[in-house]
N, C-alpha and C. Protein backbone atom coordinates (compact mmCIF):
# COMPACT_ATOMS: atom_id res chain seq x y z
N MET A 1 0.59 -1.24 -0.12
CA MET A 1 0.04 0.28 -0.10
C MET A 1 0.98 0.97 0.03
N SER A 2 2.01 0.98 0.62
CA SER A 2 2.86 2.23 0.72
C SER A 2 3.85 2.75 -0.24
N ASP A 3 3.98 1.67 -1.22
CA ASP A 3 4.59 1.61 -2.46
C ASP A 3 3.09 2.82 -3.49
N VAL A 4 2.22 2.40 -3.46
CA VAL A 4 1.05 2.79 -4.25
C VAL A 4 0.98 4.60 -4.12
N VAL A 5 1.28 4.52 -2.35
CA VAL A 5 0.90 5.91 -2.04
C VAL A 5 2.04 6.90 -2.54
N ALA A 6 3.31 6.46 -2.44
CA ALA A 6 4.14 7.64 -2.56
C ALA A 6 4.45 8.08 -3.86
N PRO A 7 4.33 7.01 -5.03
CA PRO A 7 4.11 7.85 -6.58
C PRO A 7 2.96 8.92 -6.44
N ARG A 8 2.08 8.66 -6.18
CA ARG A 8 0.63 9.54 -6.16
C ARG A 8 1.26 10.52 -5.47
N SER A 9 1.59 10.80 -3.98
CA SER A 9 2.31 12.16 -3.62
C SER A 9 3.36 12.84 -4.59
N ALA A 10 4.18 11.91 -5.26
CA ALA A 10 4.97 12.92 -6.17
C ALA A 10 4.36 13.25 -6.89
N LEU A 11 3.10 12.77 -7.52
CA LEU A 11 2.07 13.29 -8.73
C LEU A 11 2.03 14.36 -8.70
N ARG A 12 1.73 14.95 -7.25
CA ARG A 12 0.90 16.20 -6.68
C ARG A 12 2.14 17.21 -7.03
N PHE A 13 3.21 17.11 -7.01
CA PHE A 13 4.35 18.19 -7.57
C PHE A 13 4.47 18.16 -8.79
N LEU A 14 4.15 17.28 -9.69
CA LEU A 14 4.37 17.23 -11.16
C LEU A 14 4.27 18.97 -11.77
N PRO A 15 2.92 19.54 -11.67
CA PRO A 15 2.20 20.71 -11.92
C PRO A 15 3.50 21.67 -11.54
N LEU A 16 3.81 22.25 -10.34
CA LEU A 16 4.60 22.67 -10.05
C LEU A 16 6.27 22.77 -10.44
N ALA A 17 6.44 21.14 -10.75
CA ALA A 17 7.77 21.42 -11.60
C ALA A 17 7.44 21.43 -12.80
N LEU A 18 6.39 21.44 -13.75
CA LEU A 18 6.41 21.54 -15.05
C LEU A 18 6.57 23.16 -14.77
N PHE A 19 5.62 24.00 -14.19
CA PHE A 19 5.41 25.32 -13.88
C PHE A 19 6.95 26.00 -13.71
N ALA A 20 7.63 25.38 -12.98
CA ALA A 20 9.16 25.96 -12.32
C ALA A 20 9.98 25.99 -13.66
N LEU A 21 9.80 24.90 -14.77
CA LEU A 21 10.94 24.46 -15.61
C LEU A 21 10.22 25.51 -16.65
N LEU A 22 8.80 25.52 -17.08
CA LEU A 22 8.81 26.97 -17.69
C LEU A 22 9.16 28.53 -17.76
N ALA A 23 9.06 28.17 -16.16
CA ALA A 23 9.58 29.83 -15.82
C ALA A 23 11.04 30.27 -15.76
N LEU A 24 11.67 28.97 -15.63
CA LEU A 24 13.02 28.88 -15.92
C LEU A 24 13.29 28.99 -17.41
N VAL A 25 12.79 28.54 -18.47
CA VAL A 25 13.09 28.70 -19.83
C VAL A 25 12.92 30.06 -19.96
N PHE A 26 11.23 30.55 -19.56
CA PHE A 26 11.28 31.91 -19.75
C PHE A 26 12.01 33.02 -19.74
N LEU A 27 12.74 32.64 -18.35
CA LEU A 27 13.52 33.81 -17.92
C LEU A 27 15.09 33.81 -18.41
N VAL A 28 15.57 32.35 -18.80
CA VAL A 28 16.58 32.32 -19.86
C VAL A 28 16.76 33.13 -20.88
N ARG A 29 15.35 32.74 -21.93
CA ARG A 29 15.16 34.06 -23.19
C ARG A 29 14.85 34.98 -22.60
N LEU A 30 14.36 35.34 -22.11
CA LEU A 30 14.24 37.18 -21.35
C LEU A 30 15.62 37.34 -21.37
N PHE A 31 16.41 37.31 -20.60
CA PHE A 31 17.40 37.72 -20.64
C PHE A 31 18.59 37.33 -20.95
N SER A 32 18.77 36.20 -21.71
CA SER A 32 20.34 35.85 -22.78
C SER A 32 19.97 36.59 -24.02
N GLY A 33 18.22 37.44 -24.68
CA GLY A 33 18.33 37.46 -26.20
C GLY A 33 18.37 39.15 -26.08
N ASP A 34 18.71 39.39 -27.68
CA ASP A 34 19.13 40.49 -27.68
C ASP A 34 17.44 41.09 -28.05
N ALA A 35 17.03 42.25 -27.12
CA ALA A 35 15.90 43.09 -27.14
C ALA A 35 15.42 43.65 -28.37
N SER A 36 16.20 44.11 -29.48
CA SER A 36 16.61 44.72 -30.01
C SER A 36 15.93 43.99 -31.05
N ARG A 37 15.68 42.78 -31.14
CA ARG A 37 15.46 41.52 -31.78
C ARG A 37 14.17 41.09 -32.12
N ILE A 38 13.11 41.05 -31.27
CA ILE A 38 11.99 41.13 -31.11
C ILE A 38 10.94 41.02 -32.30
N PRO A 39 10.48 40.14 -32.66
CA PRO A 39 9.85 40.13 -33.95
C PRO A 39 8.73 40.92 -33.99
N SER A 40 8.47 41.50 -35.19
CA SER A 40 7.04 42.11 -35.03
C SER A 40 6.43 41.20 -35.72
N ALA A 41 4.70 41.24 -36.08
CA ALA A 41 4.26 40.75 -37.04
C ALA A 41 4.11 41.78 -38.37
N LEU A 42 4.06 43.05 -38.21
CA LEU A 42 4.50 43.98 -39.34
C LEU A 42 5.09 44.39 -39.94
N ILE A 43 6.03 43.51 -39.65
CA ILE A 43 7.48 43.98 -40.90
C ILE A 43 7.41 43.31 -41.95
N GLY A 44 6.74 43.91 -43.27
CA GLY A 44 6.74 43.65 -44.80
C GLY A 44 5.27 43.99 -44.82
N LYS A 45 4.51 44.63 -43.78
CA LYS A 45 3.03 44.85 -44.13
C LYS A 45 2.53 46.36 -43.86
N PRO A 46 2.21 47.08 -44.71
CA PRO A 46 1.62 48.37 -44.52
C PRO A 46 1.57 48.88 -42.76
N ALA A 47 1.77 50.47 -43.08
CA ALA A 47 1.52 50.54 -41.28
C ALA A 47 0.40 50.96 -41.02
N PRO A 48 0.18 50.93 -40.25
CA PRO A 48 -1.56 51.01 -39.59
C PRO A 48 -1.89 52.59 -39.94
N ALA A 49 -2.98 52.68 -40.04
CA ALA A 49 -4.14 53.99 -40.71
C ALA A 49 -4.04 54.76 -39.32
N PHE A 50 -3.75 56.50 -39.07
CA PHE A 50 -3.34 56.84 -38.33
C PHE A 50 -3.04 58.66 -38.60
N ASP A 51 -3.64 59.28 -37.96
CA ASP A 51 -3.67 60.77 -37.99
C ASP A 51 -3.46 61.65 -36.62
N LEU A 52 -2.51 61.56 -36.11
CA LEU A 52 -2.18 62.28 -34.94
C LEU A 52 -2.18 63.46 -34.89
N PRO A 53 -2.40 64.43 -34.20
CA PRO A 53 -2.44 65.89 -33.44
C PRO A 53 -1.02 66.10 -33.73
N ALA A 54 -0.38 67.54 -33.90
CA ALA A 54 0.84 67.91 -33.78
C ALA A 54 1.14 68.11 -32.11
N LEU A 55 2.39 68.54 -31.57
CA LEU A 55 2.42 68.60 -30.20
C LEU A 55 2.31 70.34 -30.24
N GLU A 56 1.63 70.49 -29.21
CA GLU A 56 0.91 71.93 -29.14
C GLU A 56 2.18 72.41 -28.57
N GLY A 57 2.19 73.99 -29.31
CA GLY A 57 3.59 74.40 -28.58
C GLY A 57 5.05 74.21 -29.49
N LEU A 58 4.92 73.03 -29.99
CA LEU A 58 6.07 72.80 -30.59
C LEU A 58 6.45 73.74 -32.41
N ALA A 59 6.70 74.53 -32.48
CA ALA A 59 6.22 75.78 -33.56
C ALA A 59 6.93 75.06 -34.60
N GLY A 60 6.10 75.12 -35.51
CA GLY A 60 6.47 74.99 -36.60
C GLY A 60 6.53 73.37 -37.73
N VAL A 61 6.13 72.58 -36.20
CA VAL A 61 6.54 71.20 -36.47
C VAL A 61 4.47 70.64 -36.56
N PRO A 62 4.76 70.12 -37.38
CA PRO A 62 3.46 69.47 -37.85
C PRO A 62 3.51 68.12 -37.04
N GLY A 63 1.92 67.58 -37.34
CA GLY A 63 1.96 66.10 -36.50
C GLY A 63 2.11 65.04 -37.62
N LEU A 64 1.43 64.22 -37.66
CA LEU A 64 2.08 63.04 -38.34
C LEU A 64 1.18 61.71 -38.58
N SER A 65 0.95 61.76 -39.47
CA SER A 65 -0.36 60.60 -40.52
C SER A 65 0.72 59.25 -41.05
N THR A 66 -0.27 58.61 -41.41
CA THR A 66 0.33 57.44 -42.76
C THR A 66 0.51 57.81 -43.85
N GLU A 67 -0.35 59.17 -44.42
CA GLU A 67 -0.03 59.74 -45.82
C GLU A 67 1.34 60.32 -45.22
N ASP A 68 1.94 60.29 -44.12
CA ASP A 68 3.40 61.23 -44.50
C ASP A 68 4.29 60.22 -44.90
N LEU A 69 3.80 58.87 -44.64
CA LEU A 69 4.72 57.65 -44.80
C LEU A 69 4.87 57.12 -46.04
N ARG A 70 3.95 57.72 -47.17
CA ARG A 70 3.56 57.15 -48.56
C ARG A 70 4.40 58.10 -49.60
N LYS A 71 5.12 58.81 -48.84
CA LYS A 71 5.72 60.19 -50.02
C LYS A 71 6.57 59.83 -50.94
N GLY A 72 7.26 58.54 -50.75
CA GLY A 72 8.17 57.75 -51.86
C GLY A 72 9.80 58.04 -50.98
N HIS A 73 9.98 58.22 -49.65
CA HIS A 73 11.17 58.34 -49.28
C HIS A 73 11.10 57.53 -48.10
N VAL A 74 11.81 57.00 -47.29
CA VAL A 74 12.48 56.18 -46.57
C VAL A 74 12.29 57.20 -45.18
N SER A 75 11.09 56.58 -44.27
CA SER A 75 11.00 57.35 -42.94
C SER A 75 11.41 56.61 -42.08
N LEU A 76 11.86 57.30 -40.71
CA LEU A 76 12.06 56.83 -39.64
C LEU A 76 11.26 56.78 -38.41
N VAL A 77 10.40 56.11 -37.96
CA VAL A 77 9.12 56.58 -36.77
C VAL A 77 9.74 55.95 -35.08
N ASN A 78 10.10 57.18 -34.52
CA ASN A 78 10.19 57.08 -33.60
C ASN A 78 9.18 57.02 -32.23
N VAL A 79 8.93 55.89 -31.61
CA VAL A 79 8.13 56.31 -30.43
C VAL A 79 8.72 56.34 -29.12
N PHE A 80 8.94 57.49 -28.21
CA PHE A 80 9.42 58.14 -27.15
C PHE A 80 8.02 58.64 -25.89
N ALA A 81 8.89 59.39 -25.57
CA ALA A 81 8.18 59.38 -23.92
C ALA A 81 8.94 60.36 -22.83
N SER A 82 8.56 61.26 -22.59
CA SER A 82 9.47 61.98 -21.53
C SER A 82 9.90 61.14 -20.17
N TRP A 83 8.77 60.71 -19.64
CA TRP A 83 9.22 59.88 -18.38
C TRP A 83 9.88 58.41 -19.15
N CYS A 84 10.26 58.32 -19.88
CA CYS A 84 11.23 57.00 -20.35
C CYS A 84 12.89 57.20 -20.17
N GLY A 85 13.23 56.55 -19.60
CA GLY A 85 14.46 56.87 -19.20
C GLY A 85 15.56 56.49 -20.50
N PRO A 86 14.98 55.15 -21.01
CA PRO A 86 15.80 54.92 -22.36
C PRO A 86 15.55 56.14 -23.13
N CYS A 87 14.34 56.93 -23.68
CA CYS A 87 14.65 57.59 -24.30
C CYS A 87 15.29 58.96 -24.34
N ARG A 88 15.76 59.03 -22.87
CA ARG A 88 16.42 60.19 -22.79
C ARG A 88 18.04 59.94 -22.78
N GLN A 89 18.15 58.38 -22.73
CA GLN A 89 19.37 58.24 -22.91
C GLN A 89 19.85 58.24 -24.36
N GLU A 90 18.49 57.57 -25.07
CA GLU A 90 18.76 57.78 -26.80
C GLU A 90 19.05 58.82 -27.69
N HIS A 91 18.54 59.93 -26.85
CA HIS A 91 18.31 61.21 -27.75
C HIS A 91 19.27 61.83 -28.38
N PRO A 92 20.24 61.54 -27.40
CA PRO A 92 21.64 62.20 -28.34
C PRO A 92 21.94 61.69 -29.57
N ALA A 93 22.08 60.55 -29.90
CA ALA A 93 21.97 59.81 -30.88
C ALA A 93 20.93 60.23 -32.14
N LEU A 94 19.43 60.33 -31.35
CA LEU A 94 18.56 60.45 -32.36
C LEU A 94 18.77 62.29 -32.75
N MET A 95 19.17 63.33 -31.85
CA MET A 95 20.07 64.41 -32.64
C MET A 95 21.09 64.07 -33.58
N ALA A 96 22.18 63.41 -33.52
CA ALA A 96 23.03 63.52 -34.07
C ALA A 96 22.50 62.31 -35.93
N LEU A 97 21.67 61.52 -35.26
CA LEU A 97 20.90 60.76 -36.57
C LEU A 97 20.33 62.02 -37.42
N ALA A 98 19.58 62.76 -36.96
CA ALA A 98 18.61 64.41 -37.66
C ALA A 98 19.90 64.98 -38.20
N GLY A 99 21.14 65.28 -37.84
CA GLY A 99 22.03 66.16 -38.56
C GLY A 99 22.70 65.43 -39.27
N ASP A 100 22.50 64.41 -39.60
CA ASP A 100 23.42 63.15 -40.79
C ASP A 100 23.16 63.69 -42.02
N ASP A 101 24.27 64.35 -42.96
CA ASP A 101 24.19 65.04 -43.79
C ASP A 101 23.74 64.09 -44.39
N ALA A 102 24.51 62.76 -44.71
CA ALA A 102 24.23 61.59 -45.72
C ALA A 102 22.73 61.12 -45.78
N LEU A 103 22.10 61.03 -44.64
CA LEU A 103 21.02 60.85 -44.71
C LEU A 103 19.95 62.13 -45.29
N LYS A 104 19.74 63.22 -45.07
CA LYS A 104 19.19 63.93 -45.61
C LYS A 104 19.42 64.30 -47.05
N ALA A 105 20.20 63.76 -47.48
CA ALA A 105 20.89 64.05 -49.11
C ALA A 105 20.42 62.77 -49.58
N LYS A 106 19.57 62.15 -48.91
CA LYS A 106 19.17 60.75 -49.12
C LYS A 106 17.76 60.81 -49.56
N GLY A 107 17.41 61.85 -48.76
CA GLY A 107 15.67 62.28 -48.32
C GLY A 107 14.87 61.71 -47.25
N VAL A 108 15.96 60.72 -46.41
CA VAL A 108 15.65 60.07 -44.75
C VAL A 108 14.86 61.48 -44.06
N GLU A 109 13.84 61.06 -43.43
CA GLU A 109 12.67 61.77 -42.43
C GLU A 109 12.96 61.02 -41.52
N LEU A 110 12.87 61.92 -40.43
CA LEU A 110 12.92 61.25 -38.85
C LEU A 110 11.71 61.76 -38.11
N TYR A 111 10.70 61.03 -37.82
CA TYR A 111 9.61 61.44 -37.06
C TYR A 111 9.20 61.19 -35.74
N GLY A 112 8.76 61.78 -34.76
CA GLY A 112 8.50 61.05 -33.62
C GLY A 112 6.90 60.86 -33.44
N LEU A 113 7.13 59.71 -32.76
CA LEU A 113 5.33 59.42 -31.76
C LEU A 113 5.67 59.74 -30.38
N SER A 114 4.95 60.60 -30.00
CA SER A 114 4.77 61.14 -28.18
C SER A 114 3.76 60.06 -27.74
N TYR A 115 4.60 59.19 -26.95
CA TYR A 115 3.29 57.95 -26.25
C TYR A 115 3.07 58.27 -24.93
N LYS A 116 1.62 58.51 -24.83
CA LYS A 116 1.16 58.55 -23.44
C LYS A 116 1.77 59.42 -22.62
N ASP A 117 1.87 61.01 -23.13
CA ASP A 117 2.79 61.79 -22.43
C ASP A 117 2.00 63.26 -22.38
N GLU A 118 1.97 64.01 -21.51
CA GLU A 118 1.51 64.53 -21.20
C GLU A 118 2.23 66.22 -21.91
N THR A 119 1.56 66.83 -22.79
CA THR A 119 1.94 68.06 -23.48
C THR A 119 2.77 68.95 -23.11
N THR A 120 2.90 69.52 -21.99
CA THR A 120 4.14 69.68 -21.50
C THR A 120 4.99 69.52 -21.02
N LYS A 121 5.09 68.33 -20.71
CA LYS A 121 6.21 67.27 -20.23
C LYS A 121 7.13 66.70 -21.61
N ALA A 122 6.15 66.18 -22.89
CA ALA A 122 6.80 66.45 -24.37
C ALA A 122 7.66 67.32 -24.60
N LEU A 123 6.76 68.54 -24.56
CA LEU A 123 7.43 69.97 -24.89
C LEU A 123 8.64 69.81 -24.27
N GLY A 124 8.82 70.05 -23.02
CA GLY A 124 9.56 70.59 -22.08
C GLY A 124 10.98 69.37 -22.38
N PHE A 125 10.93 68.10 -22.90
CA PHE A 125 11.73 67.06 -23.36
C PHE A 125 12.43 67.32 -24.29
N LEU A 126 11.61 68.02 -25.57
CA LEU A 126 12.25 67.99 -26.74
C LEU A 126 12.71 69.49 -26.78
N GLU A 127 12.49 70.58 -26.10
CA GLU A 127 13.10 71.75 -25.66
C GLU A 127 14.40 72.34 -24.90
N GLU A 128 14.62 70.79 -24.08
CA GLU A 128 15.78 70.49 -23.17
C GLU A 128 16.76 69.83 -24.15
N GLY A 129 16.18 68.71 -24.68
CA GLY A 129 17.69 68.05 -25.83
C GLY A 129 17.56 68.43 -27.15
N GLY A 130 16.47 69.05 -27.49
CA GLY A 130 16.67 69.03 -29.02
C GLY A 130 15.66 68.67 -29.42
N ASN A 131 15.30 69.26 -30.66
CA ASN A 131 14.02 68.42 -31.38
C ASN A 131 14.67 67.60 -32.78
N PRO A 132 14.79 66.41 -32.70
CA PRO A 132 15.24 65.95 -33.78
C PRO A 132 14.27 65.60 -35.51
N PHE A 133 13.35 65.98 -34.41
CA PHE A 133 11.99 65.20 -35.31
C PHE A 133 11.32 66.62 -36.37
N ALA A 134 10.89 66.15 -37.83
CA ALA A 134 10.58 67.17 -38.88
C ALA A 134 8.70 66.92 -38.34
N ARG A 135 8.80 65.76 -38.27
CA ARG A 135 7.00 65.74 -37.55
C ARG A 135 6.89 64.87 -36.02
N VAL A 136 5.88 65.48 -35.48
CA VAL A 136 5.94 64.76 -33.98
C VAL A 136 4.26 64.91 -33.73
N GLY A 137 3.89 63.40 -33.92
CA GLY A 137 2.40 62.58 -33.76
C GLY A 137 2.30 62.99 -32.30
N VAL A 138 1.19 63.59 -31.35
CA VAL A 138 0.70 62.83 -30.19
C VAL A 138 -0.04 61.93 -30.52
N ASP A 139 0.07 60.91 -29.36
CA ASP A 139 -0.68 59.97 -28.93
C ASP A 139 -0.84 59.35 -27.37
N PRO A 140 -1.72 60.40 -27.42
CA PRO A 140 -2.05 60.24 -25.59
C PRO A 140 -2.59 58.97 -24.95
N ALA A 141 -3.17 58.27 -25.68
CA ALA A 141 -3.79 56.86 -24.93
C ALA A 141 -3.21 55.90 -25.77
N GLY A 142 -2.10 56.15 -26.40
CA GLY A 142 -1.01 54.78 -27.25
C GLY A 142 -1.85 53.76 -28.06
N ARG A 143 -3.34 54.24 -28.56
CA ARG A 143 -3.37 53.68 -29.58
C ARG A 143 -3.04 53.31 -31.12
N THR A 144 -2.08 54.37 -31.39
CA THR A 144 -1.81 54.38 -32.53
C THR A 144 -0.22 53.39 -32.27
N ALA A 145 0.45 53.46 -31.35
CA ALA A 145 1.35 52.38 -31.15
C ALA A 145 1.26 50.90 -30.48
N ILE A 146 -0.14 51.14 -30.14
CA ILE A 146 -0.81 49.54 -29.75
C ILE A 146 -0.61 49.15 -31.27
N ASP A 147 -1.53 49.83 -32.38
CA ASP A 147 -1.25 49.67 -34.05
C ASP A 147 -0.09 49.41 -34.07
N PHE A 148 0.77 49.62 -34.02
CA PHE A 148 2.24 49.46 -34.67
C PHE A 148 2.73 48.91 -33.59
N GLY A 149 2.34 47.34 -32.96
CA GLY A 149 2.77 46.61 -31.96
C GLY A 149 3.82 46.63 -31.34
N VAL A 150 4.19 47.80 -30.90
CA VAL A 150 5.08 49.08 -29.47
C VAL A 150 4.63 47.79 -28.48
N TYR A 151 5.74 47.37 -27.87
CA TYR A 151 6.27 46.76 -26.87
C TYR A 151 6.01 47.55 -25.80
N GLY A 152 6.86 48.84 -25.72
CA GLY A 152 7.32 49.46 -24.67
C GLY A 152 8.22 50.48 -26.09
N VAL A 153 8.58 51.69 -24.92
CA VAL A 153 9.38 52.98 -25.48
C VAL A 153 10.60 52.64 -24.76
N PRO A 154 11.78 53.16 -25.59
CA PRO A 154 11.49 53.93 -27.18
C PRO A 154 11.71 52.66 -28.11
N GLU A 155 11.15 52.64 -29.19
CA GLU A 155 10.94 51.79 -30.60
C GLU A 155 11.25 52.37 -31.60
N THR A 156 12.34 52.13 -32.54
CA THR A 156 11.99 52.66 -33.93
C THR A 156 11.60 52.56 -35.14
N PHE A 157 11.28 52.61 -35.94
CA PHE A 157 10.72 51.94 -37.36
C PHE A 157 11.46 52.32 -38.37
N VAL A 158 11.30 51.32 -39.19
CA VAL A 158 12.00 52.06 -40.83
C VAL A 158 11.16 51.65 -41.75
N ILE A 159 10.76 52.69 -42.27
CA ILE A 159 9.53 52.76 -43.45
C ILE A 159 9.79 52.87 -45.02
N LYS A 160 9.18 52.30 -45.54
CA LYS A 160 9.69 52.10 -47.28
C LYS A 160 8.86 53.49 -47.61
N GLY A 161 8.81 53.98 -48.62
CA GLY A 161 8.52 54.91 -49.21
C GLY A 161 6.88 54.83 -49.53
N ASP A 162 6.71 53.28 -49.86
CA ASP A 162 5.08 53.03 -49.94
C ASP A 162 4.42 52.98 -49.24
N GLY A 163 5.24 53.22 -47.27
CA GLY A 163 4.21 53.06 -46.21
C GLY A 163 4.45 51.82 -45.55
N THR A 164 5.30 51.11 -46.32
CA THR A 164 5.13 49.58 -45.85
C THR A 164 6.52 49.57 -44.94
N ILE A 165 5.81 48.83 -43.69
CA ILE A 165 7.31 48.76 -42.38
C ILE A 165 8.47 47.66 -42.49
N ALA A 166 9.83 48.31 -42.89
CA ALA A 166 11.01 47.06 -43.08
C ALA A 166 11.49 47.26 -42.23
N TYR A 167 11.56 47.36 -40.78
CA TYR A 167 12.55 47.01 -39.85
C TYR A 167 11.61 47.94 -38.44
N LYS A 168 12.15 47.13 -37.72
CA LYS A 168 11.67 47.92 -36.10
C LYS A 168 12.74 47.45 -35.02
N PHE A 169 13.62 48.22 -34.61
CA PHE A 169 14.53 48.17 -33.63
C PHE A 169 13.83 48.50 -31.97
N VAL A 170 14.12 47.60 -31.08
CA VAL A 170 13.32 47.78 -29.87
C VAL A 170 14.05 47.97 -29.27
N GLY A 171 14.20 49.48 -28.11
CA GLY A 171 15.09 49.96 -27.16
C GLY A 171 15.88 50.95 -27.76
N PRO A 172 16.74 52.02 -26.85
CA PRO A 172 17.52 53.04 -27.28
C PRO A 172 18.55 52.31 -28.11
N LEU A 173 18.05 53.80 -28.86
CA LEU A 173 19.27 53.71 -30.18
C LEU A 173 21.00 54.17 -29.78
N THR A 174 21.72 53.36 -29.99
CA THR A 174 23.00 54.09 -29.79
C THR A 174 24.03 54.52 -30.74
N PRO A 175 24.69 55.47 -30.79
CA PRO A 175 26.06 55.46 -32.33
C PRO A 175 25.87 54.23 -32.38
N SER A 176 26.34 53.27 -31.97
CA SER A 176 26.76 51.78 -32.48
C SER A 176 25.65 51.19 -33.01
N ALA A 177 24.65 50.79 -32.75
CA ALA A 177 23.45 50.29 -32.80
C ALA A 177 22.75 51.30 -34.51
N ILE A 178 22.79 52.33 -34.43
CA ILE A 178 22.85 53.27 -35.50
C ILE A 178 23.70 53.03 -36.75
N ALA A 179 25.00 52.69 -36.19
CA ALA A 179 26.17 52.54 -37.49
C ALA A 179 25.59 51.21 -37.99
N THR A 180 25.89 50.10 -36.96
CA THR A 180 25.49 48.89 -37.70
C THR A 180 24.57 48.24 -37.77
N THR A 181 23.23 48.58 -37.39
CA THR A 181 22.04 47.69 -37.76
C THR A 181 21.01 48.85 -38.49
N LEU A 182 20.85 50.05 -37.78
CA LEU A 182 19.87 51.09 -38.45
C LEU A 182 20.37 51.62 -39.78
N ILE A 183 21.62 51.73 -39.96
CA ILE A 183 21.71 52.38 -41.59
C ILE A 183 22.02 51.51 -42.33
N PRO A 184 22.36 50.39 -42.00
CA PRO A 184 21.79 48.85 -42.96
C PRO A 184 20.41 48.85 -43.56
N GLU A 185 19.50 49.55 -42.50
CA GLU A 185 18.08 48.86 -42.50
C GLU A 185 17.29 49.84 -43.80
N ILE A 186 18.02 51.24 -43.61
CA ILE A 186 17.61 52.35 -43.97
C ILE A 186 18.25 52.01 -45.67
N GLU A 187 19.53 51.70 -45.86
CA GLU A 187 19.95 51.60 -46.85
C GLU A 187 19.07 50.25 -48.14
N LYS A 188 19.02 49.01 -46.70
CA LYS A 188 18.05 48.31 -47.59
C LYS A 188 16.41 48.69 -47.71
N ALA A 189 16.11 49.37 -47.41
CA ALA A 189 14.91 49.74 -47.49
C ALA A 189 14.84 50.87 -48.33
N MET A 190 15.51 51.67 -48.53
CA MET A 190 15.77 52.11 -50.08
C MET A 190 16.09 51.31 -51.15
N ALA A 191 16.43 50.69 -50.91
CA ALA A 191 17.18 50.06 -52.13
C ALA A 191 15.77 49.21 -52.62
N GLY A 192 15.04 48.87 -51.72
CA GLY A 192 13.63 48.23 -52.11
C GLY A 192 13.55 46.68 -51.80
N GLY A 193 15.14 46.90 -51.01
CA GLY A 193 14.95 44.78 -50.41
C GLY A 193 14.03 44.35 -49.52
N ALA A 194 13.98 43.00 -49.28
CA ALA A 194 12.87 42.33 -48.31
C ALA A 194 13.20 43.13 -47.32
N ALA A 195 11.77 42.93 -46.71
CA ALA A 195 12.09 43.50 -45.34
C ALA A 195 12.78 42.93 -43.92
N THR A 196 13.31 42.85 -43.60
CA THR A 196 13.79 41.88 -42.02
C THR A 196 12.91 41.30 -41.42
N THR A 197 12.44 40.39 -41.34
CA THR A 197 11.08 39.98 -40.40
C THR A 197 12.19 39.19 -39.23
N ARG A 198 12.17 40.08 -38.32
CA ARG A 198 12.58 40.24 -37.08
C ARG A 198 12.19 41.48 -36.02
């Protein structure tokens, strides 16, 4: 009788052991991978339809809509927020990217999507660090960001001239990431190459 009871009591712990194993696999995948390589279901598909108002107080900088992404030039859409520490970290790299004469000559435009932010704080953030964006769309409820499949801020999208999403970079851009990852993806998008599926 005791031989039968022992295996049954051990079976009670099987669900707990399976849960612990799955949690371990999840943690290993979470901390061992490159966050910038999170796949997006929208790669190779048209950008979602949206029409966002301009950031009030940011003189001369219009809002952002889907039509702005379909004007024949490669666009970069950076999703940012003033309350986001990594956004502040990447901001100098965005300023340098906006001032890149080679990209300007190729017609590449850098746009901002202000995510779930208060107008005065977003404005203060761009006044303090400088405004790298040719257009800034305000997304106070985060609906457009959700439609883009944003996991968290910052994220940057490379969009072909026909409005197709070609690449998604998750996390703060650094000079190294711009040089080794973002610029090659921009060049691929300009050449009409296949979208990077990651």
